[in-house]
C-alpha atoms as a PDB file:
ATOM      1  CA  UNK A   1     -99.972 -93.650 -66.883  1.00  0.00           C
ATOM      2  CA  UNK A   2    -102.067 -90.627 -66.791  1.00  0.00           C
ATOM      3  CA  UNK A   3    -103.338 -88.749 -69.865  1.00  0.00           C
ATOM      4  CA  UNK A   4    -105.886 -86.256 -70.644  1.00  0.00           C
ATOM      5  CA  UNK A   5    -107.117 -83.607 -73.152  1.00  0.00           C
ATOM      6  CA  UNK A   6    -109.389 -80.688 -73.426  1.00  0.00           C
ATOM      7  CA  UNK A   7    -110.809 -79.010 -76.574  1.00  0.00           C
ATOM      8  CA  UNK A   8    -112.981 -75.929 -76.534  1.00  0.00           C
ATOM      9  CA  UNK A   9    -113.918 -73.324 -79.213  1.00  0.00           C
ATOM     10  CA  UNK A  10    -116.266 -70.339 -79.511  1.00  0.00           C
ATOM     11  CA  UNK A  11    -119.051 -70.970 -82.039  1.00  0.00           C
ATOM     12  CA  UNK A  12    -120.104 -67.362 -81.858  1.00  0.00           C
ATOM     13  CA  UNK A  13    -119.392 -64.298 -79.623  1.00  0.00           C
ATOM     14  CA  UNK A  14    -121.593 -65.695 -76.963  1.00  0.00           C
ATOM     15  CA  UNK A  15    -121.637 -69.585 -77.452  1.00  0.00           C
ATOM     16  CA  UNK A  16    -118.758 -71.750 -76.411  1.00  0.00           C
ATOM     17  CA  UNK A  17    -118.597 -75.700 -76.674  1.00  0.00           C
ATOM     18  CA  UNK A  18    -116.040 -77.848 -74.878  1.00  0.00           C
ATOM     19  CA  UNK A  19    -115.079 -81.344 -74.416  1.00  0.00           C
ATOM     20  CA  UNK A  20    -112.549 -83.334 -72.103  1.00  0.00           C
ATOM     21  CA  UNK A  21    -111.309 -86.710 -71.265  1.00  0.00           C
ATOM     22  CA  UNK A  22    -109.012 -88.069 -68.708  1.00  0.00           C
ATOM     23  CA  UNK A  23    -107.784 -91.673 -68.209  1.00  0.00           C
ATOM     24  CA  UNK A  24    -105.820 -93.280 -65.445  1.00  0.00           C
ATOM     25  CA  UNK A  25    -104.205 -96.686 -66.257  1.00  0.00           C
ATOM     26  CA  UNK A  26    -102.836 -98.077 -62.990  1.00  0.00           C
ATOM     27  CA  UNK A  27    -104.286-101.323 -62.611  1.00  0.00           C
ATOM     28  CA  UNK A  28    -106.617-101.483 -59.561  1.00  0.00           C
ATOM     29  CA  UNK A  29    -107.254 -97.933 -59.730  1.00  0.00           C
ATOM     30  CA  UNK A  30    -108.002 -97.571 -63.591  1.00  0.00           C
ATOM     31  CA  UNK A  31    -110.475 -94.776 -64.169  1.00  0.00           C
ATOM     32  CA  UNK A  32    -111.822 -92.942 -67.261  1.00  0.00           C
ATOM     33  CA  UNK A  33    -113.799 -89.754 -67.158  1.00  0.00           C
ATOM     34  CA  UNK A  34    -115.209 -87.949 -70.084  1.00  0.00           C
ATOM     35  CA  UNK A  35    -117.314 -84.796 -70.322  1.00  0.00           C
ATOM     36  CA  UNK A  36    -118.911 -81.885 -72.386  1.00  0.00           C
ATOM     37  CA  UNK A  37    -120.004 -78.436 -71.681  1.00  0.00           C
ATOM     38  CA  UNK A  38    -121.776 -75.616 -72.968  1.00  0.00           C
ATOM     39  CA  UNK A  39    -121.557 -71.842 -72.155  1.00  0.00           C
ATOM     40  CA  UNK A  40    -124.050 -69.144 -73.298  1.00  0.00           C
ATOM     41  CA  UNK A  41    -123.021 -65.707 -71.919  1.00  0.00           C
ATOM     42  CA  UNK A  42    -123.933 -62.185 -72.420  1.00  0.00           C
ATOM     43  CA  UNK A  43    -120.999 -61.143 -70.034  1.00  0.00           C
ATOM     44  CA  UNK A  44    -118.862 -62.681 -67.120  1.00  0.00           C
ATOM     45  CA  UNK A  45    -122.049 -61.867 -64.916  1.00  0.00           C
ATOM     46  CA  UNK A  46    -124.826 -62.901 -67.284  1.00  0.00           C
ATOM     47  CA  UNK A  47    -124.682 -66.474 -68.637  1.00  0.00           C
ATOM     48  CA  UNK A  48    -126.014 -69.890 -68.784  1.00  0.00           C
ATOM     49  CA  UNK A  49    -123.685 -73.035 -68.460  1.00  0.00           C
ATOM     50  CA  UNK A  50    -124.244 -76.936 -68.752  1.00  0.00           C
ATOM     51  CA  UNK A  51    -121.661 -79.364 -67.762  1.00  0.00           C
ATOM     52  CA  UNK A  52    -121.983 -83.119 -68.156  1.00  0.00           C
ATOM     53  CA  UNK A  53    -119.438 -85.992 -67.378  1.00  0.00           C
ATOM     54  CA  UNK A  54    -119.324 -89.726 -67.211  1.00  0.00           C
ATOM     55  CA  UNK A  55    -116.859 -91.760 -65.225  1.00  0.00           C
ATOM     56  CA  UNK A  56    -116.108 -95.405 -65.055  1.00  0.00           C
ATOM     57  CA  UNK A  57    -113.897 -97.242 -62.644  1.00  0.00           C
ATOM     58  CA  UNK A  58    -112.451 -96.897 -59.167  1.00  0.00           C
ATOM     59  CA  UNK A  59    -109.864 -94.260 -59.222  1.00  0.00           C
ATOM     60  CA  UNK A  60    -107.578 -93.784 -56.271  1.00  0.00           C
ATOM     61  CA  UNK A  61    -110.027 -93.293 -53.470  1.00  0.00           C
ATOM     62  CA  UNK A  62    -108.881 -91.054 -50.564  1.00  0.00           C
ATOM     63  CA  UNK A  63    -107.089 -90.632 -47.200  1.00  0.00           C
ATOM     64  CA  UNK A  64    -108.242 -87.984 -44.571  1.00  0.00           C
ATOM     65  CA  UNK A  65    -106.177 -85.897 -42.222  1.00  0.00           C
ATOM     66  CA  UNK A  66    -107.346 -83.410 -39.717  1.00  0.00           C
ATOM     67  CA  UNK A  67    -104.218 -81.534 -38.932  1.00  0.00           C
ATOM     68  CA  UNK A  68    -102.807 -80.906 -42.525  1.00  0.00           C
ATOM     69  CA  UNK A  69    -101.251 -84.118 -43.282  1.00  0.00           C
ATOM     70  CA  UNK A  70     -99.262 -84.731 -40.062  1.00  0.00           C
ATOM     71  CA  UNK A  71    -101.455 -87.491 -39.210  1.00  0.00           C
ATOM     72  CA  UNK A  72    -103.752 -89.715 -41.432  1.00  0.00           C
ATOM     73  CA  UNK A  73    -107.159 -90.388 -39.728  1.00  0.00           C
ATOM     74  CA  UNK A  74    -107.286 -93.979 -38.574  1.00  0.00           C
ATOM     75  CA  UNK A  75    -108.774 -96.249 -41.112  1.00  0.00           C
ATOM     76  CA  UNK A  76    -108.482 -93.988 -44.044  1.00  0.00           C
ATOM     77  CA  UNK A  77    -104.760 -94.787 -44.382  1.00  0.00           C
ATOM     78  CA  UNK A  78    -105.980 -98.402 -45.385  1.00  0.00           C
ATOM     79  CA  UNK A  79    -107.500 -98.320 -48.920  1.00  0.00           C
ATOM     80  CA  UNK A  80    -109.533-101.311 -48.218  1.00  0.00           C
ATOM     81  CA  UNK A  81    -111.172 -99.172 -45.344  1.00  0.00           C
ATOM     82  CA  UNK A  82    -112.097 -96.295 -47.615  1.00  0.00           C
ATOM     83  CA  UNK A  83    -112.725 -97.952 -50.987  1.00  0.00           C
ATOM     84  CA  UNK A  84    -113.617 -95.791 -53.777  1.00  0.00           C
ATOM     85  CA  UNK A  85    -117.368 -95.574 -55.071  1.00  0.00           C
ATOM     86  CA  UNK A  86    -116.557 -96.263 -58.614  1.00  0.00           C
ATOM     87  CA  UNK A  87    -116.352 -99.770 -60.342  1.00  0.00           C
ATOM     88  CA  UNK A  88    -115.175-101.099 -63.568  1.00  0.00           C
ATOM     89  CA  UNK A  89    -118.127-101.778 -65.894  1.00  0.00           C
ATOM     90  CA  UNK A  90    -120.271 -99.386 -63.839  1.00  0.00           C
ATOM     91  CA  UNK A  91    -120.430 -95.824 -65.405  1.00  0.00           C
ATOM     92  CA  UNK A  92    -121.952 -93.013 -63.458  1.00  0.00           C
ATOM     93  CA  UNK A  93    -123.080 -89.611 -64.731  1.00  0.00           C
ATOM     94  CA  UNK A  94    -122.937 -86.161 -63.255  1.00  0.00           C
ATOM     95  CA  UNK A  95    -124.294 -82.962 -64.673  1.00  0.00           C
ATOM     96  CA  UNK A  96    -124.784 -79.270 -63.358  1.00  0.00           C
ATOM     97  CA  UNK A  97    -126.722 -76.420 -64.829  1.00  0.00           C
ATOM     98  CA  UNK A  98    -126.053 -72.911 -63.740  1.00  0.00           C
ATOM     99  CA  UNK A  99    -127.511 -69.441 -64.619  1.00  0.00           C
ATOM    100  CA  UNK A 100    -126.564 -66.013 -63.604  1.00  0.00           C
ATOM    101  CA  UNK A 101    -127.752 -62.569 -64.422  1.00  0.00           C
ATOM    102  CA  UNK A 102    -126.846 -59.051 -63.965  1.00  0.00           C
ATOM    103  CA  UNK A 103    -129.959 -57.126 -63.496  1.00  0.00           C
ATOM    104  CA  UNK A 104    -128.803 -54.111 -64.779  1.00  0.00           C
ATOM    105  CA  UNK A 105    -127.830 -55.672 -68.085  1.00  0.00           C
ATOM    106  CA  UNK A 106    -130.987 -57.620 -68.578  1.00  0.00           C
ATOM    107  CA  UNK A 107    -133.164 -54.660 -67.520  1.00  0.00           C
ATOM    108  CA  UNK A 108    -131.622 -51.818 -69.480  1.00  0.00           C
ATOM    109  CA  UNK A 109    -130.555 -50.366 -66.301  1.00  0.00           C
ATOM    110  CA  UNK A 110    -134.028 -50.210 -64.704  1.00  0.00           C
ATOM    111  CA  UNK A 111    -132.649 -52.683 -62.012  1.00  0.00           C
ATOM    112  CA  UNK A 112    -129.494 -53.160 -60.115  1.00  0.00           C
ATOM    113  CA  UNK A 113    -128.226 -56.554 -58.582  1.00  0.00           C
ATOM    114  CA  UNK A 114    -127.183 -60.143 -59.295  1.00  0.00           C
ATOM    115  CA  UNK A 115    -128.763 -63.406 -58.983  1.00  0.00           C
ATOM    116  CA  UNK A 116    -127.447 -66.782 -59.469  1.00  0.00           C
ATOM    117  CA  UNK A 117    -129.266 -70.344 -59.631  1.00  0.00           C
ATOM    118  CA  UNK A 118    -128.058 -73.708 -60.109  1.00  0.00           C
ATOM    119  CA  UNK A 119    -129.016 -77.547 -60.200  1.00  0.00           C
ATOM    120  CA  UNK A 120    -126.675 -80.318 -59.713  1.00  0.00           C
ATOM    121  CA  UNK A 121    -126.845 -84.048 -59.734  1.00  0.00           C
ATOM    122  CA  UNK A 122    -124.348 -86.840 -59.341  1.00  0.00           C
ATOM    123  CA  UNK A 123    -124.967 -90.581 -59.432  1.00  0.00           C
ATOM    124  CA  UNK A 124    -123.634 -93.295 -57.085  1.00  0.00           C
ATOM    125  CA  UNK A 125    -120.142 -94.398 -58.446  1.00  0.00           C
ATOM    126  CA  UNK A 126    -119.020 -91.288 -60.155  1.00  0.00           C
ATOM    127  CA  UNK A 127    -115.335 -90.627 -59.424  1.00  0.00           C
ATOM    128  CA  UNK A 128    -112.967 -87.687 -60.510  1.00  0.00           C
ATOM    129  CA  UNK A 129    -109.923 -86.007 -58.977  1.00  0.00           C
ATOM    130  CA  UNK A 130    -112.490 -83.926 -56.842  1.00  0.00           C
ATOM    131  CA  UNK A 131    -115.366 -86.291 -56.337  1.00  0.00           C
ATOM    132  CA  UNK A 132    -116.041 -89.789 -55.037  1.00  0.00           C
ATOM    133  CA  UNK A 133    -119.679 -90.327 -54.795  1.00  0.00           C
ATOM    134  CA  UNK A 134    -121.167 -93.300 -52.995  1.00  0.00           C
ATOM    135  CA  UNK A 135    -124.693 -92.342 -52.940  1.00  0.00           C
ATOM    136  CA  UNK A 136    -126.766 -90.466 -55.764  1.00  0.00           C
ATOM    137  CA  UNK A 137    -127.116 -86.819 -54.822  1.00  0.00           C
ATOM    138  CA  UNK A 138    -128.884 -83.637 -55.955  1.00  0.00           C
ATOM    139  CA  UNK A 139    -128.740 -80.202 -54.870  1.00  0.00           C
ATOM    140  CA  UNK A 140    -130.082 -76.911 -56.072  1.00  0.00           C
ATOM    141  CA  UNK A 141    -130.024 -73.349 -54.801  1.00  0.00           C
ATOM    142  CA  UNK A 142    -130.357 -69.663 -55.665  1.00  0.00           C
ATOM    143  CA  UNK A 143    -128.822 -66.473 -54.246  1.00  0.00           C
ATOM    144  CA  UNK A 144    -129.102 -62.773 -55.016  1.00  0.00           C
ATOM    145  CA  UNK A 145    -128.286 -59.353 -54.135  1.00  0.00           C
ATOM    146  CA  UNK A 146    -130.842 -56.851 -55.295  1.00  0.00           C
ATOM    147  CA  UNK A 147    -131.118 -53.070 -54.931  1.00  0.00           C
ATOM    148  CA  UNK A 148    -134.636 -52.077 -53.841  1.00  0.00           C
ATOM    149  CA  UNK A 149    -133.706 -48.335 -53.839  1.00  0.00           C
ATOM    150  CA  UNK A 150    -130.544 -46.291 -53.915  1.00  0.00           C
ATOM    151  CA  UNK A 151    -130.176 -46.746 -50.084  1.00  0.00           C
ATOM    152  CA  UNK A 152    -131.682 -50.205 -49.634  1.00  0.00           C
ATOM    153  CA  UNK A 153    -130.360 -53.632 -50.691  1.00  0.00           C
ATOM    154  CA  UNK A 154    -132.109 -56.919 -50.463  1.00  0.00           C
ATOM    155  CA  UNK A 155    -129.869 -60.138 -49.861  1.00  0.00           C
ATOM    156  CA  UNK A 156    -131.212 -63.778 -50.052  1.00  0.00           C
ATOM    157  CA  UNK A 157    -130.122 -67.279 -50.547  1.00  0.00           C
ATOM    158  CA  UNK A 158    -131.340 -70.725 -50.410  1.00  0.00           C
ATOM    159  CA  UNK A 159    -129.699 -74.198 -50.995  1.00  0.00           C
ATOM    160  CA  UNK A 160    -131.153 -77.725 -50.828  1.00  0.00           C
ATOM    161  CA  UNK A 161    -129.434 -80.916 -50.800  1.00  0.00           C
ATOM    162  CA  UNK A 162    -130.512 -84.572 -50.521  1.00  0.00           C
ATOM    163  CA  UNK A 163    -129.081 -87.960 -51.396  1.00  0.00           C
ATOM    164  CA  UNK A 164    -130.666 -91.598 -51.733  1.00  0.00           C
ATOM    165  CA  UNK A 165    -129.501 -92.488 -48.217  1.00  0.00           C
ATOM    166  CA  UNK A 166    -132.068 -90.143 -46.523  1.00  0.00           C
ATOM    167  CA  UNK A 167    -129.653 -87.137 -45.939  1.00  0.00           C
ATOM    168  CA  UNK A 168    -131.462 -83.772 -46.401  1.00  0.00           C
ATOM    169  CA  UNK A 169    -130.034 -80.293 -45.856  1.00  0.00           C
ATOM    170  CA  UNK A 170    -131.942 -76.967 -46.254  1.00  0.00           C
ATOM    171  CA  UNK A 171    -130.249 -73.454 -45.587  1.00  0.00           C
ATOM    172  CA  UNK A 172    -132.039 -70.261 -46.244  1.00  0.00           C
ATOM    173  CA  UNK A 173    -131.150 -66.737 -45.492  1.00  0.00           C
ATOM    174  CA  UNK A 174    -132.813 -63.287 -46.061  1.00  0.00           C
ATOM    175  CA  UNK A 175    -131.446 -59.844 -45.260  1.00  0.00           C
ATOM    176  CA  UNK A 176    -131.805 -56.269 -45.774  1.00  0.00           C
ATOM    177  CA  UNK A 177    -129.235 -53.455 -45.786  1.00  0.00           C
ATOM    178  CA  UNK A 178    -129.803 -49.742 -45.289  1.00  0.00           C
ATOM    179  CA  UNK A 179    -127.365 -47.088 -46.086  1.00  0.00           C
ATOM    180  CA  UNK A 180    -128.003 -44.499 -43.280  1.00  0.00           C
ATOM    181  CA  UNK A 181    -125.317 -42.255 -44.686  1.00  0.00           C
ATOM    182  CA  UNK A 182    -122.160 -42.066 -46.469  1.00  0.00           C
ATOM    183  CA  UNK A 183    -120.304 -43.750 -43.673  1.00  0.00           C
ATOM    184  CA  UNK A 184    -122.995 -45.872 -41.700  1.00  0.00           C
ATOM    185  CA  UNK A 185    -124.884 -48.955 -42.892  1.00  0.00           C
ATOM    186  CA  UNK A 186    -127.255 -51.124 -40.833  1.00  0.00           C
ATOM    187  CA  UNK A 187    -128.131 -54.719 -41.905  1.00  0.00           C
ATOM    188  CA  UNK A 188    -130.739 -57.123 -40.539  1.00  0.00           C
ATOM    189  CA  UNK A 189    -130.943 -60.794 -41.484  1.00  0.00           C
ATOM    190  CA  UNK A 190    -132.637 -64.150 -40.833  1.00  0.00           C
ATOM    191  CA  UNK A 191    -131.268 -67.485 -41.540  1.00  0.00           C
ATOM    192  CA  UNK A 192    -132.695 -70.951 -41.231  1.00  0.00           C
ATOM    193  CA  UNK A 193    -131.243 -74.383 -41.471  1.00  0.00           C
ATOM    194  CA  UNK A 194    -133.025 -77.945 -41.365  1.00  0.00           C
ATOM    195  CA  UNK A 195    -130.797 -81.093 -41.174  1.00  0.00           C
ATOM    196  CA  UNK A 196    -132.059 -84.548 -41.749  1.00  0.00           C
ATOM    197  CA  UNK A 197    -129.554 -87.616 -41.457  1.00  0.00           C
ATOM    198  CA  UNK A 198    -130.515 -91.166 -40.378  1.00  0.00           C
ATOM    199  CA  UNK A 199    -126.885 -91.953 -39.794  1.00  0.00           C
ATOM    200  CA  UNK A 200    -126.128 -88.777 -37.913  1.00  0.00           C
ATOM    201  CA  UNK A 201    -126.155 -88.191 -33.916  1.00  0.00           C
ATOM    202  CA  UNK A 202    -129.087 -86.558 -32.536  1.00  0.00           C
ATOM    203  CA  UNK A 203    -127.096 -83.395 -31.829  1.00  0.00           C
ATOM    204  CA  UNK A 204    -126.059 -83.032 -35.686  1.00  0.00           C
ATOM    205  CA  UNK A 205    -129.757 -82.895 -37.004  1.00  0.00           C
ATOM    206  CA  UNK A 206    -132.852 -80.644 -36.507  1.00  0.00           C
ATOM    207  CA  UNK A 207    -133.879 -77.060 -37.247  1.00  0.00           C
ATOM    208  CA  UNK A 208    -132.385 -73.753 -36.087  1.00  0.00           C
ATOM    209  CA  UNK A 209    -133.276 -70.243 -36.801  1.00  0.00           C
ATOM    210  CA  UNK A 210    -131.241 -67.328 -36.277  1.00  0.00           C
ATOM    211  CA  UNK A 211    -131.821 -63.571 -36.365  1.00  0.00           C
ATOM    212  CA  UNK A 212    -129.083 -60.812 -36.377  1.00  0.00           C
ATOM    213  CA  UNK A 213    -128.360 -57.207 -37.021  1.00  0.00           C
ATOM    214  CA  UNK A 214    -125.232 -55.420 -37.735  1.00  0.00           C
ATOM    215  CA  UNK A 215    -124.235 -51.672 -37.530  1.00  0.00           C
ATOM    216  CA  UNK A 216    -121.102 -50.685 -39.809  1.00  0.00           C
ATOM    217  CA  UNK A 217    -119.162 -47.455 -39.795  1.00  0.00           C
ATOM    218  CA  UNK A 218    -116.851 -47.068 -42.768  1.00  0.00           C
ATOM    219  CA  UNK A 219    -114.106 -44.368 -42.296  1.00  0.00           C
ATOM    220  CA  UNK A 220    -114.284 -41.751 -45.016  1.00  0.00           C
END
């Protein structure tokens, strides 16, 4: 039997509270997950959100296919080969904080652009319909698109991921776009990535930096 419920309500014009729970009662795959969330917003583009969830139980695990389901990856078709990370009696938590801002809204029109930042953590054993976490992991990041002038725009992004098994991934990008005319735009960008994974092959880890430029013509 699968059952779930979701309740949410607006405390005011800008504050929303929510809670949800779902339960699977299928014997070996019993799983229960409950969560709560808070949203404080000025608009769809300026807000602060907090989501928390706790799960207990193994859930259904997963099977992998690399060709759209025509074939199941060897080993993943056997549930014992890809067991769920969850377990009965061992609850695990997950939470995410996200903030976004429309710069024009918060600066009374003095700035233009958008910025978003987040922090996310999931404990080992957290299982839901979307996640099956076997190692505690954290990630955080920021990205933005900010107008420096009427013809120049700055774009940036950074994301950091690490887990308790020693896997670490960092990705960053920085770029500038120039409007040369009504139909021509020039862009230049720098991107960097750094991968560390004790279990990965040598060609799957290391550092890389790329520099690129683009000239775009838009038909009027």
